[in-house]
Structures are given as structure tokens and as C-alpha cells.
C-alpha atoms as a PDB file:
ATOM      1  CA  UNK A   1     -14.340   9.740  10.520  1.00  0.00           C
ATOM      2  CA  UNK A   2     -15.647   9.919   6.911  1.00  0.00           C
ATOM      3  CA  UNK A   3     -13.791   6.934   5.514  1.00  0.00           C
ATOM      4  CA  UNK A   4     -13.867   6.653   1.734  1.00  0.00           C
ATOM      5  CA  UNK A   5     -12.521   3.886  -0.488  1.00  0.00           C
ATOM      6  CA  UNK A   6     -11.462   4.795  -4.031  1.00  0.00           C
ATOM      7  CA  UNK A   7      -9.312   3.432  -6.810  1.00  0.00           C
ATOM      8  CA  UNK A   8      -5.627   4.265  -6.488  1.00  0.00           C
ATOM      9  CA  UNK A   9      -3.737   6.349  -9.070  1.00  0.00           C
ATOM     10  CA  UNK A  10      -0.279   7.732  -9.753  1.00  0.00           C
ATOM     11  CA  UNK A  11      -0.858  10.589  -7.299  1.00  0.00           C
ATOM     12  CA  UNK A  12      -0.825   7.990  -4.493  1.00  0.00           C
ATOM     13  CA  UNK A  13       2.700   6.712  -5.005  1.00  0.00           C
ATOM     14  CA  UNK A  14       4.416   8.747  -2.213  1.00  0.00           C
ATOM     15  CA  UNK A  15       1.786   8.207   0.443  1.00  0.00           C
ATOM     16  CA  UNK A  16       1.346   4.524  -0.484  1.00  0.00           C
ATOM     17  CA  UNK A  17       5.064   3.919  -0.425  1.00  0.00           C
ATOM     18  CA  UNK A  18       5.366   5.479   3.021  1.00  0.00           C
ATOM     19  CA  UNK A  19       2.408   3.493   4.361  1.00  0.00           C
ATOM     20  CA  UNK A  20       3.756   0.179   2.972  1.00  0.00           C
ATOM     21  CA  UNK A  21       7.203   0.879   4.474  1.00  0.00           C
ATOM     22  CA  UNK A  22       5.884   1.921   7.869  1.00  0.00           C
ATOM     23  CA  UNK A  23       3.225  -0.813   8.170  1.00  0.00           C
ATOM     24  CA  UNK A  24       5.555  -3.638   7.155  1.00  0.00           C
ATOM     25  CA  UNK A  25       8.422  -2.289   9.247  1.00  0.00           C
ATOM     26  CA  UNK A  26       6.141  -1.868  12.280  1.00  0.00           C
ATOM     27  CA  UNK A  27       5.076  -5.515  12.099  1.00  0.00           C
ATOM     28  CA  UNK A  28       8.604  -6.763  11.360  1.00  0.00           C
ATOM     29  CA  UNK A  29      10.124  -4.936  14.323  1.00  0.00           C
ATOM     30  CA  UNK A  30       7.384  -6.177  16.641  1.00  0.00           C
ATOM     31  CA  UNK A  31       8.249  -9.793  15.745  1.00  0.00           C
ATOM     32  CA  UNK A  32      12.011  -9.404  15.239  1.00  0.00           C
ATOM     33  CA  UNK A  33      12.242 -10.247  11.576  1.00  0.00           C
ATOM     34  CA  UNK A  34      13.399  -8.135   8.576  1.00  0.00           C
ATOM     35  CA  UNK A  35      10.899  -5.935   6.825  1.00  0.00           C
ATOM     36  CA  UNK A  36       9.792  -6.693   3.268  1.00  0.00           C
ATOM     37  CA  UNK A  37      10.110  -2.953   2.638  1.00  0.00           C
ATOM     38  CA  UNK A  38      13.603  -1.919   3.724  1.00  0.00           C
ATOM     39  CA  UNK A  39      13.127   1.791   2.888  1.00  0.00           C
ATOM     40  CA  UNK A  40      10.493   4.345   2.022  1.00  0.00           C
ATOM     41  CA  UNK A  41      12.048   4.636  -1.444  1.00  0.00           C
ATOM     42  CA  UNK A  42      11.609   0.893  -1.997  1.00  0.00           C
ATOM     43  CA  UNK A  43       7.973   1.239  -0.847  1.00  0.00           C
ATOM     44  CA  UNK A  44       7.506   4.026  -3.406  1.00  0.00           C
ATOM     45  CA  UNK A  45       9.049   1.911  -6.141  1.00  0.00           C
ATOM     46  CA  UNK A  46       6.698  -0.994  -5.440  1.00  0.00           C
ATOM     47  CA  UNK A  47       3.690   1.285  -5.097  1.00  0.00           C
ATOM     48  CA  UNK A  48       4.573   3.064  -8.366  1.00  0.00           C
ATOM     49  CA  UNK A  49       4.935  -0.222 -10.202  1.00  0.00           C
ATOM     50  CA  UNK A  50       1.643  -1.618  -8.895  1.00  0.00           C
ATOM     51  CA  UNK A  51      -0.328   1.610  -9.331  1.00  0.00           C
ATOM     52  CA  UNK A  52       0.887   1.912 -12.950  1.00  0.00           C
ATOM     53  CA  UNK A  53       0.337  -1.726 -13.902  1.00  0.00           C
ATOM     54  CA  UNK A  54      -3.014  -2.509 -15.575  1.00  0.00           C
ATOM     55  CA  UNK A  55      -2.873  -6.040 -14.228  1.00  0.00           C
ATOM     56  CA  UNK A  56      -3.322  -4.791 -10.668  1.00  0.00           C
ATOM     57  CA  UNK A  57      -6.357  -3.130  -9.106  1.00  0.00           C
ATOM     58  CA  UNK A  58      -5.629  -0.728  -6.271  1.00  0.00           C
ATOM     59  CA  UNK A  59      -7.808   0.675  -3.529  1.00  0.00           C
ATOM     60  CA  UNK A  60      -7.052   3.622  -1.244  1.00  0.00           C
ATOM     61  CA  UNK A  61      -8.716   4.249   2.090  1.00  0.00           C
ATOM     62  CA  UNK A  62      -8.773   7.883   3.028  1.00  0.00           C
ATOM     63  CA  UNK A  63     -10.366  10.353   5.408  1.00  0.00           C
ATOM     64  CA  UNK A  64     -10.523  14.035   4.556  1.00  0.00           C
ATOM     65  CA  UNK A  65      -7.960  13.635   1.781  1.00  0.00           C
ATOM     66  CA  UNK A  66      -5.459  11.846   4.081  1.00  0.00           C
ATOM     67  CA  UNK A  67      -4.505   8.400   2.889  1.00  0.00           C
ATOM     68  CA  UNK A  68      -4.920   5.803   5.633  1.00  0.00           C
ATOM     69  CA  UNK A  69      -4.312   2.586   3.761  1.00  0.00           C
ATOM     70  CA  UNK A  70      -3.635   0.861   0.422  1.00  0.00           C
ATOM     71  CA  UNK A  71      -4.553  -2.524  -1.017  1.00  0.00           C
ATOM     72  CA  UNK A  72      -3.628  -4.171  -4.301  1.00  0.00           C
ATOM     73  CA  UNK A  73      -5.233  -7.047  -6.168  1.00  0.00           C
ATOM     74  CA  UNK A  74      -3.264  -9.013  -8.743  1.00  0.00           C
ATOM     75  CA  UNK A  75      -5.791  -9.681 -11.511  1.00  0.00           C
ATOM     76  CA  UNK A  76      -3.371 -11.112 -14.094  1.00  0.00           C
ATOM     77  CA  UNK A  77      -4.462 -14.686 -13.648  1.00  0.00           C
ATOM     78  CA  UNK A  78      -7.550 -16.790 -13.146  1.00  0.00           C
ATOM     79  CA  UNK A  79      -7.097 -16.502  -9.358  1.00  0.00           C
ATOM     80  CA  UNK A  80      -6.859 -13.000  -7.940  1.00  0.00           C
ATOM     81  CA  UNK A  81      -3.977 -12.436  -5.524  1.00  0.00           C
ATOM     82  CA  UNK A  82      -4.423  -9.984  -2.607  1.00  0.00           C
ATOM     83  CA  UNK A  83      -1.704  -7.627  -1.438  1.00  0.00           C
ATOM     84  CA  UNK A  84       0.325  -6.005  -0.409  1.00  0.00           C
ATOM     85  CA  UNK A  85      -2.022  -4.380   2.061  1.00  0.00           C
ATOM     86  CA  UNK A  86      -0.848  -1.541   4.269  1.00  0.00           C
ATOM     87  CA  UNK A  87      -2.594   0.503   6.968  1.00  0.00           C
ATOM     88  CA  UNK A  88      -0.873   3.570   8.406  1.00  0.00           C
ATOM     89  CA  UNK A  89       0.275   2.388  11.857  1.00  0.00           C
ATOM     90  CA  UNK A  90      -0.023   5.908  13.253  1.00  0.00           C
ATOM     91  CA  UNK A  91      -3.844   5.962  13.043  1.00  0.00           C
END
């Protein structure tokens, strides 16, 4: 595995949205509570907003061009907030 970490960009919306949906749904189903991401489309909307917002830093983990994970940092305040974080549950 040649894992690389890079800044996220608008090209990452679809893969990031899918990963957020699948990761949060996987955990929610395992613990019998509702997912914070009820659909892939909702995941894409959130990812698109965060990737396009200059107040958020984003980091993509990938291997061979395949996105494996996404992380966001909210840098709008004095204290940086972390998340959402998603790792593809199929890896």
C-alpha cells in the first residue's frame, strides 16, 4: 500500500460523499442508531459544502488514486474542530 495524504478539492465530492455515507451508516447499523448521513446524496452535499468552504481544511487519504478516507478541520474559530472523518469500510 502506497498511502498518500493530500488536500481535498472539488474533484473529491462524489467519493467523499460515498465514504461519509457508508462509514457513518456502517457504524450506525452496528449500534442500532440512525446514521448522520441518511443517503449518499446527503453525504455529497456535506462533502461539497466542506470542500468548497475556505473555513475548512480537508485531507484525503488515497492509494493508487483510490480514495480511502476523508477528514475535515473547522478552522473558522480559535479552536479547530475535527470532523467529520470517514474511512471506507470496505478496505
